mmCIF file of all heavy atoms, coordinates in Angstrom:
data_MODEL
# 
_entry.id   MODEL 
# 
loop_
_atom_site.group_PDB 
_atom_site.id 
_atom_site.type_symbol 
_atom_site.label_atom_id 
_atom_site.label_alt_id 
_atom_site.label_comp_id 
_atom_site.label_asym_id 
_atom_site.label_entity_id 
_atom_site.label_seq_id 
_atom_site.pdbx_PDB_ins_code 
_atom_site.Cartn_x 
_atom_site.Cartn_y 
_atom_site.Cartn_z 
_atom_site.occupancy 
_atom_site.B_iso_or_equiv 
_atom_site.pdbx_formal_charge 
_atom_site.auth_seq_id 
_atom_site.auth_comp_id 
_atom_site.auth_asym_id 
_atom_site.auth_atom_id 
_atom_site.pdbx_PDB_model_num 
ATOM 1   N N   . THR A 1 1  ? 106.553 96.699  92.797  1.00 0.00 ? 1  THR A N   1 
ATOM 2   C CA  . THR A 1 1  ? 106.476 97.924  92.013  1.00 0.00 ? 1  THR A CA  1 
ATOM 3   C C   . THR A 1 1  ? 105.208 98.696  92.362  1.00 0.00 ? 1  THR A C   1 
ATOM 4   O O   . THR A 1 1  ? 104.265 98.128  92.932  1.00 0.00 ? 1  THR A O   1 
ATOM 5   C CB  . THR A 1 1  ? 106.476 97.597  90.499  1.00 0.00 ? 1  THR A CB  1 
ATOM 6   O OG1 . THR A 1 1  ? 106.540 98.818  89.757  1.00 0.00 ? 1  THR A OG1 1 
ATOM 7   C CG2 . THR A 1 1  ? 105.231 96.818  90.113  1.00 0.00 ? 1  THR A CG2 1 
ATOM 8   N N   . PHE A 1 2  ? 105.214 99.978  92.031  1.00 0.00 ? 2  PHE A N   1 
ATOM 9   C CA  . PHE A 1 2  ? 104.011 100.791 92.126  1.00 0.00 ? 2  PHE A CA  1 
ATOM 10  C C   . PHE A 1 2  ? 103.420 100.912 90.730  1.00 0.00 ? 2  PHE A C   1 
ATOM 11  O O   . PHE A 1 2  ? 104.142 101.201 89.766  1.00 0.00 ? 2  PHE A O   1 
ATOM 12  C CB  . PHE A 1 2  ? 104.325 102.185 92.682  1.00 0.00 ? 2  PHE A CB  1 
ATOM 13  C CG  . PHE A 1 2  ? 104.832 102.175 94.101  1.00 0.00 ? 2  PHE A CG  1 
ATOM 14  C CD1 . PHE A 1 2  ? 106.058 102.719 94.431  1.00 0.00 ? 2  PHE A CD1 1 
ATOM 15  C CD2 . PHE A 1 2  ? 104.059 101.622 95.113  1.00 0.00 ? 2  PHE A CD2 1 
ATOM 16  C CE1 . PHE A 1 2  ? 106.520 102.719 95.733  1.00 0.00 ? 2  PHE A CE1 1 
ATOM 17  C CE2 . PHE A 1 2  ? 104.511 101.603 96.429  1.00 0.00 ? 2  PHE A CE2 1 
ATOM 18  C CZ  . PHE A 1 2  ? 105.741 102.163 96.731  1.00 0.00 ? 2  PHE A CZ  1 
ATOM 19  N N   . ALA A 1 3  ? 102.137 100.693 90.613  1.00 0.00 ? 3  ALA A N   1 
ATOM 20  C CA  . ALA A 1 3  ? 101.451 100.768 89.325  1.00 0.00 ? 3  ALA A CA  1 
ATOM 21  C C   . ALA A 1 3  ? 100.534 101.980 89.338  1.00 0.00 ? 3  ALA A C   1 
ATOM 22  O O   . ALA A 1 3  ? 99.400  101.921 89.834  1.00 0.00 ? 3  ALA A O   1 
ATOM 23  C CB  . ALA A 1 3  ? 100.649 99.498  89.064  1.00 0.00 ? 3  ALA A CB  1 
ATOM 24  N N   . GLY A 1 4  ? 101.038 103.090 88.814  1.00 0.00 ? 4  GLY A N   1 
ATOM 25  C CA  . GLY A 1 4  ? 100.248 104.311 88.863  1.00 0.00 ? 4  GLY A CA  1 
ATOM 26  C C   . GLY A 1 4  ? 100.043 104.743 90.297  1.00 0.00 ? 4  GLY A C   1 
ATOM 27  O O   . GLY A 1 4  ? 101.001 104.994 91.032  1.00 0.00 ? 4  GLY A O   1 
ATOM 28  N N   . ASP A 1 5  ? 98.785  104.812 90.708  1.00 0.00 ? 5  ASP A N   1 
ATOM 29  C CA  . ASP A 1 5  ? 98.492  105.196 92.090  1.00 0.00 ? 5  ASP A CA  1 
ATOM 30  C C   . ASP A 1 5  ? 98.007  104.007 92.909  1.00 0.00 ? 5  ASP A C   1 
ATOM 31  O O   . ASP A 1 5  ? 97.277  104.167 93.888  1.00 0.00 ? 5  ASP A O   1 
ATOM 32  C CB  . ASP A 1 5  ? 97.456  106.322 92.122  1.00 0.00 ? 5  ASP A CB  1 
ATOM 33  C CG  . ASP A 1 5  ? 96.139  105.926 91.471  1.00 0.00 ? 5  ASP A CG  1 
ATOM 34  O OD1 . ASP A 1 5  ? 96.070  104.819 90.898  1.00 0.00 ? 5  ASP A OD1 1 
ATOM 35  O OD2 . ASP A 1 5  ? 95.175  106.721 91.530  1.00 0.00 ? 5  ASP A OD2 1 
ATOM 36  N N   . THR A 1 6  ? 98.424  102.795 92.497  1.00 0.00 ? 6  THR A N   1 
ATOM 37  C CA  . THR A 1 6  ? 98.042  101.592 93.224  1.00 0.00 ? 6  THR A CA  1 
ATOM 38  C C   . THR A 1 6  ? 99.262  100.702 93.453  1.00 0.00 ? 6  THR A C   1 
ATOM 39  O O   . THR A 1 6  ? 100.317 100.887 92.846  1.00 0.00 ? 6  THR A O   1 
ATOM 40  C CB  . THR A 1 6  ? 96.978  100.779 92.458  1.00 0.00 ? 6  THR A CB  1 
ATOM 41  O OG1 . THR A 1 6  ? 97.563  100.277 91.239  1.00 0.00 ? 6  THR A OG1 1 
ATOM 42  C CG2 . THR A 1 6  ? 95.764  101.629 92.141  1.00 0.00 ? 6  THR A CG2 1 
ATOM 43  N N   . ALA A 1 7  ? 99.091  99.725  94.316  1.00 0.00 ? 7  ALA A N   1 
ATOM 44  C CA  . ALA A 1 7  ? 100.136 98.731  94.569  1.00 0.00 ? 7  ALA A CA  1 
ATOM 45  C C   . ALA A 1 7  ? 99.473  97.471  95.099  1.00 0.00 ? 7  ALA A C   1 
ATOM 46  O O   . ALA A 1 7  ? 98.369  97.521  95.660  1.00 0.00 ? 7  ALA A O   1 
ATOM 47  C CB  . ALA A 1 7  ? 101.156 99.253  95.572  1.00 0.00 ? 7  ALA A CB  1 
ATOM 48  N N   . ARG A 1 8  ? 100.154 96.346  94.907  1.00 0.00 ? 8  ARG A N   1 
ATOM 49  C CA  . ARG A 1 8  ? 99.628  95.072  95.389  1.00 0.00 ? 8  ARG A CA  1 
ATOM 50  C C   . ARG A 1 8  ? 100.698 94.359  96.210  1.00 0.00 ? 8  ARG A C   1 
ATOM 51  O O   . ARG A 1 8  ? 101.844 94.208  95.784  1.00 0.00 ? 8  ARG A O   1 
ATOM 52  C CB  . ARG A 1 8  ? 99.194  94.185  94.221  1.00 0.00 ? 8  ARG A CB  1 
ATOM 53  C CG  . ARG A 1 8  ? 98.812  92.758  94.633  1.00 0.00 ? 8  ARG A CG  1 
ATOM 54  C CD  . ARG A 1 8  ? 98.120  92.003  93.513  1.00 0.00 ? 8  ARG A CD  1 
ATOM 55  N NE  . ARG A 1 8  ? 96.754  92.522  93.301  1.00 0.00 ? 8  ARG A NE  1 
ATOM 56  C CZ  . ARG A 1 8  ? 95.900  91.983  92.426  1.00 0.00 ? 8  ARG A CZ  1 
ATOM 57  N NH1 . ARG A 1 8  ? 96.260  90.942  91.677  1.00 0.00 ? 8  ARG A NH1 1 
ATOM 58  N NH2 . ARG A 1 8  ? 94.686  92.489  92.289  1.00 0.00 ? 8  ARG A NH2 1 
ATOM 59  N N   . LEU A 1 9  ? 100.294 93.916  97.383  1.00 0.00 ? 9  LEU A N   1 
ATOM 60  C CA  . LEU A 1 9  ? 101.159 93.125  98.260  1.00 0.00 ? 9  LEU A CA  1 
ATOM 61  C C   . LEU A 1 9  ? 100.724 91.671  98.148  1.00 0.00 ? 9  LEU A C   1 
ATOM 62  O O   . LEU A 1 9  ? 99.538  91.360  98.299  1.00 0.00 ? 9  LEU A O   1 
ATOM 63  C CB  . LEU A 1 9  ? 101.025 93.607  99.706  1.00 0.00 ? 9  LEU A CB  1 
ATOM 64  C CG  . LEU A 1 9  ? 101.941 92.965  100.754 1.00 0.00 ? 9  LEU A CG  1 
ATOM 65  C CD1 . LEU A 1 9  ? 103.393 93.365  100.515 1.00 0.00 ? 9  LEU A CD1 1 
ATOM 66  C CD2 . LEU A 1 9  ? 101.511 93.386  102.157 1.00 0.00 ? 9  LEU A CD2 1 
ATOM 67  N N   . ALA A 1 10 ? 101.692 90.784  97.873  1.00 0.00 ? 10 ALA A N   1 
ATOM 68  C CA  . ALA A 1 10 ? 101.364 89.370  97.697  1.00 0.00 ? 10 ALA A CA  1 
ATOM 69  C C   . ALA A 1 10 ? 102.316 88.509  98.520  1.00 0.00 ? 10 ALA A C   1 
ATOM 70  O O   . ALA A 1 10 ? 103.214 89.005  99.203  1.00 0.00 ? 10 ALA A O   1 
ATOM 71  C CB  . ALA A 1 10 ? 101.442 88.992  96.218  1.00 0.00 ? 10 ALA A CB  1 
ATOM 72  N N   . GLY A 1 11 ? 102.096 87.192  98.459  1.00 0.00 ? 11 GLY A N   1 
ATOM 73  C CA  . GLY A 1 11 ? 102.986 86.252  99.123  1.00 0.00 ? 11 GLY A CA  1 
ATOM 74  C C   . GLY A 1 11 ? 102.832 86.216  100.625 1.00 0.00 ? 11 GLY A C   1 
ATOM 75  O O   . GLY A 1 11 ? 101.766 86.508  101.179 1.00 0.00 ? 11 GLY A O   1 
ATOM 76  N N   . GLU A 1 12 ? 103.947 85.874  101.309 1.00 0.00 ? 12 GLU A N   1 
ATOM 77  C CA  . GLU A 1 12 ? 103.909 85.722  102.760 1.00 0.00 ? 12 GLU A CA  1 
ATOM 78  C C   . GLU A 1 12 ? 103.584 87.027  103.480 1.00 0.00 ? 12 GLU A C   1 
ATOM 79  O O   . GLU A 1 12 ? 102.933 87.021  104.529 1.00 0.00 ? 12 GLU A O   1 
ATOM 80  C CB  . GLU A 1 12 ? 105.252 85.168  103.253 1.00 0.00 ? 12 GLU A CB  1 
ATOM 81  C CG  . GLU A 1 12 ? 105.516 83.730  102.830 1.00 0.00 ? 12 GLU A CG  1 
ATOM 82  C CD  . GLU A 1 12 ? 106.775 83.180  103.461 1.00 0.00 ? 12 GLU A CD  1 
ATOM 83  O OE1 . GLU A 1 12 ? 107.336 83.851  104.358 1.00 0.00 ? 12 GLU A OE1 1 
ATOM 84  O OE2 . GLU A 1 12 ? 107.205 82.080  103.070 1.00 0.00 ? 12 GLU A OE2 1 
ATOM 85  N N   . ASP A 1 13 ? 104.039 88.151  102.912 1.00 0.00 ? 13 ASP A N   1 
ATOM 86  C CA  . ASP A 1 13 ? 103.752 89.433  103.553 1.00 0.00 ? 13 ASP A CA  1 
ATOM 87  C C   . ASP A 1 13 ? 102.254 89.711  103.544 1.00 0.00 ? 13 ASP A C   1 
ATOM 88  O O   . ASP A 1 13 ? 101.695 90.222  104.531 1.00 0.00 ? 13 ASP A O   1 
ATOM 89  C CB  . ASP A 1 13 ? 104.503 90.559  102.838 1.00 0.00 ? 13 ASP A CB  1 
ATOM 90  C CG  . ASP A 1 13 ? 105.992 90.523  103.099 1.00 0.00 ? 13 ASP A CG  1 
ATOM 91  O OD1 . ASP A 1 13 ? 106.395 89.954  104.132 1.00 0.00 ? 13 ASP A OD1 1 
ATOM 92  O OD2 . ASP A 1 13 ? 106.754 91.056  102.274 1.00 0.00 ? 13 ASP A OD2 1 
ATOM 93  N N   . ALA A 1 14 ? 101.588 89.405  102.426 1.00 0.00 ? 14 ALA A N   1 
ATOM 94  C CA  . ALA A 1 14 ? 100.141 89.609  102.356 1.00 0.00 ? 14 ALA A CA  1 
ATOM 95  C C   . ALA A 1 14 ? 99.424  88.692  103.341 1.00 0.00 ? 14 ALA A C   1 
ATOM 96  O O   . ALA A 1 14 ? 98.460  89.096  104.003 1.00 0.00 ? 14 ALA A O   1 
ATOM 97  C CB  . ALA A 1 14 ? 99.650  89.354  100.931 1.00 0.00 ? 14 ALA A CB  1 
ATOM 98  N N   . HIS A 1 15 ? 99.903  87.457  103.449 1.00 0.00 ? 15 HIS A N   1 
ATOM 99  C CA  . HIS A 1 15 ? 99.305  86.518  104.400 1.00 0.00 ? 15 HIS A CA  1 
ATOM 100 C C   . HIS A 1 15 ? 99.460  87.030  105.832 1.00 0.00 ? 15 HIS A C   1 
ATOM 101 O O   . HIS A 1 15 ? 98.523  86.978  106.637 1.00 0.00 ? 15 HIS A O   1 
ATOM 102 C CB  . HIS A 1 15 ? 99.948  85.144  104.255 1.00 0.00 ? 15 HIS A CB  1 
ATOM 103 C CG  . HIS A 1 15 ? 99.398  84.123  105.205 1.00 0.00 ? 15 HIS A CG  1 
ATOM 104 N ND1 . HIS A 1 15 ? 99.935  83.938  106.462 1.00 0.00 ? 15 HIS A ND1 1 
ATOM 105 C CD2 . HIS A 1 15 ? 98.350  83.262  105.090 1.00 0.00 ? 15 HIS A CD2 1 
ATOM 106 C CE1 . HIS A 1 15 ? 99.253  82.989  107.078 1.00 0.00 ? 15 HIS A CE1 1 
ATOM 107 N NE2 . HIS A 1 15 ? 98.292  82.569  106.273 1.00 0.00 ? 15 HIS A NE2 1 
ATOM 108 N N   . HIS A 1 16 ? 100.658 87.539  106.133 1.00 0.00 ? 16 HIS A N   1 
ATOM 109 C CA  . HIS A 1 16 ? 100.914 88.032  107.493 1.00 0.00 ? 16 HIS A CA  1 
ATOM 110 C C   . HIS A 1 16 ? 100.029 89.241  107.796 1.00 0.00 ? 16 HIS A C   1 
ATOM 111 O O   . HIS A 1 16 ? 99.420  89.321  108.879 1.00 0.00 ? 16 HIS A O   1 
ATOM 112 C CB  . HIS A 1 16 ? 102.384 88.415  107.636 1.00 0.00 ? 16 HIS A CB  1 
ATOM 113 C CG  . HIS A 1 16 ? 102.738 88.964  108.985 1.00 0.00 ? 16 HIS A CG  1 
ATOM 114 N ND1 . HIS A 1 16 ? 102.853 88.175  110.107 1.00 0.00 ? 16 HIS A ND1 1 
ATOM 115 C CD2 . HIS A 1 16 ? 102.993 90.239  109.396 1.00 0.00 ? 16 HIS A CD2 1 
ATOM 116 C CE1 . HIS A 1 16 ? 103.163 88.921  111.150 1.00 0.00 ? 16 HIS A CE1 1 
ATOM 117 N NE2 . HIS A 1 16 ? 103.256 90.189  110.739 1.00 0.00 ? 16 HIS A NE2 1 
ATOM 118 N N   . LEU A 1 17 ? 99.964  90.173  106.849 1.00 0.00 ? 17 LEU A N   1 
ATOM 119 C CA  . LEU A 1 17 ? 99.169  91.375  107.074 1.00 0.00 ? 17 LEU A CA  1 
ATOM 120 C C   . LEU A 1 17 ? 97.683  91.050  107.156 1.00 0.00 ? 17 LEU A C   1 
ATOM 121 O O   . LEU A 1 17 ? 96.962  91.574  108.007 1.00 0.00 ? 17 LEU A O   1 
ATOM 122 C CB  . LEU A 1 17 ? 99.434  92.385  105.955 1.00 0.00 ? 17 LEU A CB  1 
ATOM 123 C CG  . LEU A 1 17 ? 98.696  93.728  106.042 1.00 0.00 ? 17 LEU A CG  1 
ATOM 124 C CD1 . LEU A 1 17 ? 98.954  94.411  107.376 1.00 0.00 ? 17 LEU A CD1 1 
ATOM 125 C CD2 . LEU A 1 17 ? 99.120  94.628  104.893 1.00 0.00 ? 17 LEU A CD2 1 
ATOM 126 N N   . GLY A 1 18 ? 97.229  90.149  106.269 1.00 0.00 ? 18 GLY A N   1 
ATOM 127 C CA  . GLY A 1 18 ? 95.808  89.850  106.232 1.00 0.00 ? 18 GLY A CA  1 
ATOM 128 C C   . GLY A 1 18 ? 95.342  88.914  107.330 1.00 0.00 ? 18 GLY A C   1 
ATOM 129 O O   . GLY A 1 18 ? 94.313  89.167  107.976 1.00 0.00 ? 18 GLY A O   1 
ATOM 130 N N   . ARG A 1 19 ? 96.105  87.831  107.576 1.00 0.00 ? 19 ARG A N   1 
ATOM 131 C CA  . ARG A 1 19 ? 95.656  86.807  108.510 1.00 0.00 ? 19 ARG A CA  1 
ATOM 132 C C   . ARG A 1 19 ? 96.146  87.024  109.932 1.00 0.00 ? 19 ARG A C   1 
ATOM 133 O O   . ARG A 1 19 ? 95.427  86.725  110.894 1.00 0.00 ? 19 ARG A O   1 
ATOM 134 C CB  . ARG A 1 19 ? 96.120  85.428  108.021 1.00 0.00 ? 19 ARG A CB  1 
ATOM 135 C CG  . ARG A 1 19 ? 95.570  85.045  106.654 1.00 0.00 ? 19 ARG A CG  1 
ATOM 136 C CD  . ARG A 1 19 ? 94.060  84.839  106.706 1.00 0.00 ? 19 ARG A CD  1 
ATOM 137 N NE  . ARG A 1 19 ? 93.524  84.456  105.413 1.00 0.00 ? 19 ARG A NE  1 
ATOM 138 C CZ  . ARG A 1 19 ? 93.470  83.207  104.965 1.00 0.00 ? 19 ARG A CZ  1 
ATOM 139 N NH1 . ARG A 1 19 ? 93.947  82.225  105.717 1.00 0.00 ? 19 ARG A NH1 1 
ATOM 140 N NH2 . ARG A 1 19 ? 92.963  82.944  103.778 1.00 0.00 ? 19 ARG A NH2 1 
ATOM 141 N N   . VAL A 1 20 ? 97.354  87.538  110.075 1.00 0.00 ? 20 VAL A N   1 
ATOM 142 C CA  . VAL A 1 20 ? 97.931  87.710  111.412 1.00 0.00 ? 20 VAL A CA  1 
ATOM 143 C C   . VAL A 1 20 ? 97.574  89.082  111.990 1.00 0.00 ? 20 VAL A C   1 
ATOM 144 O O   . VAL A 1 20 ? 97.157  89.195  113.147 1.00 0.00 ? 20 VAL A O   1 
ATOM 145 C CB  . VAL A 1 20 ? 99.457  87.522  111.380 1.00 0.00 ? 20 VAL A CB  1 
ATOM 146 C CG1 . VAL A 1 20 ? 100.053 87.738  112.781 1.00 0.00 ? 20 VAL A CG1 1 
ATOM 147 C CG2 . VAL A 1 20 ? 99.814  86.129  110.867 1.00 0.00 ? 20 VAL A CG2 1 
ATOM 148 N N   . LEU A 1 21 ? 97.745  90.114  111.178 1.00 0.00 ? 21 LEU A N   1 
ATOM 149 C CA  . LEU A 1 21 ? 97.458  91.469  111.648 1.00 0.00 ? 21 LEU A CA  1 
ATOM 150 C C   . LEU A 1 21 ? 96.013  91.882  111.392 1.00 0.00 ? 21 LEU A C   1 
ATOM 151 O O   . LEU A 1 21 ? 95.609  92.988  111.763 1.00 0.00 ? 21 LEU A O   1 
ATOM 152 C CB  . LEU A 1 21 ? 98.415  92.474  110.977 1.00 0.00 ? 21 LEU A CB  1 
ATOM 153 C CG  . LEU A 1 21 ? 99.909  92.252  111.244 1.00 0.00 ? 21 LEU A CG  1 
ATOM 154 C CD1 . LEU A 1 21 ? 100.736 93.318  110.545 1.00 0.00 ? 21 LEU A CD1 1 
ATOM 155 C CD2 . LEU A 1 21 ? 100.203 92.249  112.739 1.00 0.00 ? 21 LEU A CD2 1 
ATOM 156 N N   . HIS A 1 22 ? 95.244  91.004  110.747 1.00 0.00 ? 22 HIS A N   1 
ATOM 157 C CA  . HIS A 1 22 ? 93.811  91.229  110.507 1.00 0.00 ? 22 HIS A CA  1 
ATOM 158 C C   . HIS A 1 22 ? 93.552  92.570  109.796 1.00 0.00 ? 22 HIS A C   1 
ATOM 159 O O   . HIS A 1 22 ? 92.758  93.398  110.240 1.00 0.00 ? 22 HIS A O   1 
ATOM 160 C CB  . HIS A 1 22 ? 93.037  91.187  111.835 1.00 0.00 ? 22 HIS A CB  1 
ATOM 161 C CG  . HIS A 1 22 ? 93.254  89.922  112.606 1.00 0.00 ? 22 HIS A CG  1 
ATOM 162 N ND1 . HIS A 1 22 ? 92.813  88.684  112.161 1.00 0.00 ? 22 HIS A ND1 1 
ATOM 163 C CD2 . HIS A 1 22 ? 93.899  89.688  113.784 1.00 0.00 ? 22 HIS A CD2 1 
ATOM 164 C CE1 . HIS A 1 22 ? 93.151  87.757  113.038 1.00 0.00 ? 22 HIS A CE1 1 
ATOM 165 N NE2 . HIS A 1 22 ? 93.822  88.331  114.034 1.00 0.00 ? 22 HIS A NE2 1 
ATOM 166 N N   . ALA A 1 23 ? 94.273  92.759  108.692 1.00 0.00 ? 23 ALA A N   1 
ATOM 167 C CA  . ALA A 1 23 ? 94.130  93.998  107.932 1.00 0.00 ? 23 ALA A CA  1 
ATOM 168 C C   . ALA A 1 23 ? 92.714  94.159  107.403 1.00 0.00 ? 23 ALA A C   1 
ATOM 169 O O   . ALA A 1 23 ? 92.048  93.183  107.040 1.00 0.00 ? 23 ALA A O   1 
ATOM 170 C CB  . ALA A 1 23 ? 95.118  94.001  106.766 1.00 0.00 ? 23 ALA A CB  1 
ATOM 171 N N   . GLU A 1 24 ? 92.273  95.411  107.329 1.00 0.00 ? 24 GLU A N   1 
ATOM 172 C CA  . GLU A 1 24 ? 90.946  95.727  106.835 1.00 0.00 ? 24 GLU A CA  1 
ATOM 173 C C   . GLU A 1 24 ? 91.029  96.917  105.892 1.00 0.00 ? 24 GLU A C   1 
ATOM 174 O O   . GLU A 1 24 ? 91.921  97.767  106.013 1.00 0.00 ? 24 GLU A O   1 
ATOM 175 C CB  . GLU A 1 24 ? 90.004  96.073  107.997 1.00 0.00 ? 24 GLU A CB  1 
ATOM 176 C CG  . GLU A 1 24 ? 89.773  94.938  108.977 1.00 0.00 ? 24 GLU A CG  1 
ATOM 177 C CD  . GLU A 1 24 ? 88.874  95.357  110.121 1.00 0.00 ? 24 GLU A CD  1 
ATOM 178 O OE1 . GLU A 1 24 ? 88.585  96.578  110.221 1.00 0.00 ? 24 GLU A OE1 1 
ATOM 179 O OE2 . GLU A 1 24 ? 88.467  94.479  110.906 1.00 0.00 ? 24 GLU A OE2 1 
ATOM 180 N N   . PRO A 1 25 ? 90.104  97.026  104.940 1.00 0.00 ? 25 PRO A N   1 
ATOM 181 C CA  . PRO A 1 25 ? 90.060  98.192  104.063 1.00 0.00 ? 25 PRO A CA  1 
ATOM 182 C C   . PRO A 1 25 ? 89.999  99.483  104.870 1.00 0.00 ? 25 PRO A C   1 
ATOM 183 O O   . PRO A 1 25 ? 89.332  99.564  105.899 1.00 0.00 ? 25 PRO A O   1 
ATOM 184 C CB  . PRO A 1 25 ? 88.786  97.975  103.238 1.00 0.00 ? 25 PRO A CB  1 
ATOM 185 C CG  . PRO A 1 25 ? 88.635  96.485  103.205 1.00 0.00 ? 25 PRO A CG  1 
ATOM 186 C CD  . PRO A 1 25 ? 89.083  96.016  104.562 1.00 0.00 ? 25 PRO A CD  1 
ATOM 187 N N   . GLY A 1 26 ? 90.737  100.472 104.394 1.00 0.00 ? 26 GLY A N   1 
ATOM 188 C CA  . GLY A 1 26 ? 90.786  101.762 105.067 1.00 0.00 ? 26 GLY A CA  1 
ATOM 189 C C   . GLY A 1 26 ? 92.005  101.959 105.942 1.00 0.00 ? 26 GLY A C   1 
ATOM 190 O O   . GLY A 1 26 ? 92.376  103.095 106.253 1.00 0.00 ? 26 GLY A O   1 
ATOM 191 N N   . GLN A 1 27 ? 92.659  100.874 106.342 1.00 0.00 ? 27 GLN A N   1 
ATOM 192 C CA  . GLN A 1 27 ? 93.847  101.006 107.181 1.00 0.00 ? 27 GLN A CA  1 
ATOM 193 C C   . GLN A 1 27 ? 95.027  101.530 106.352 1.00 0.00 ? 27 GLN A C   1 
ATOM 194 O O   . GLN A 1 27 ? 95.147  101.264 105.160 1.00 0.00 ? 27 GLN A O   1 
ATOM 195 C CB  . GLN A 1 27 ? 94.207  99.660  107.814 1.00 0.00 ? 27 GLN A CB  1 
ATOM 196 C CG  . GLN A 1 27 ? 93.203  99.193  108.851 1.00 0.00 ? 27 GLN A CG  1 
ATOM 197 C CD  . GLN A 1 27 ? 93.581  97.843  109.443 1.00 0.00 ? 27 GLN A CD  1 
ATOM 198 O OE1 . GLN A 1 27 ? 94.310  97.053  108.831 1.00 0.00 ? 27 GLN A OE1 1 
ATOM 199 N NE2 . GLN A 1 27 ? 93.073  97.575  110.628 1.00 0.00 ? 27 GLN A NE2 1 
ATOM 200 N N   . LEU A 1 28 ? 95.933  102.255 107.026 1.00 0.00 ? 28 LEU A N   1 
ATOM 201 C CA  . LEU A 1 28 ? 97.079  102.872 106.368 1.00 0.00 ? 28 LEU A CA  1 
ATOM 202 C C   . LEU A 1 28 ? 98.377  102.161 106.743 1.00 0.00 ? 28 LEU A C   1 
ATOM 203 O O   . LEU A 1 28 ? 98.604  101.849 107.918 1.00 0.00 ? 28 LEU A O   1 
ATOM 204 C CB  . LEU A 1 28 ? 97.175  104.351 106.750 1.00 0.00 ? 28 LEU A CB  1 
ATOM 205 C CG  . LEU A 1 28 ? 96.010  105.250 106.307 1.00 0.00 ? 28 LEU A CG  1 
ATOM 206 C CD1 . LEU A 1 28 ? 96.169  106.631 106.907 1.00 0.00 ? 28 LEU A CD1 1 
ATOM 207 C CD2 . LEU A 1 28 ? 95.930  105.320 104.788 1.00 0.00 ? 28 LEU A CD2 1 
# 
């Protein structure tokens, strides 16, 4: 869901984006 003007990605997708794709603040 979208919460106002924010959103949270969790679970395996968050792991993939954070650990595999090396996501960083500021990326779109």
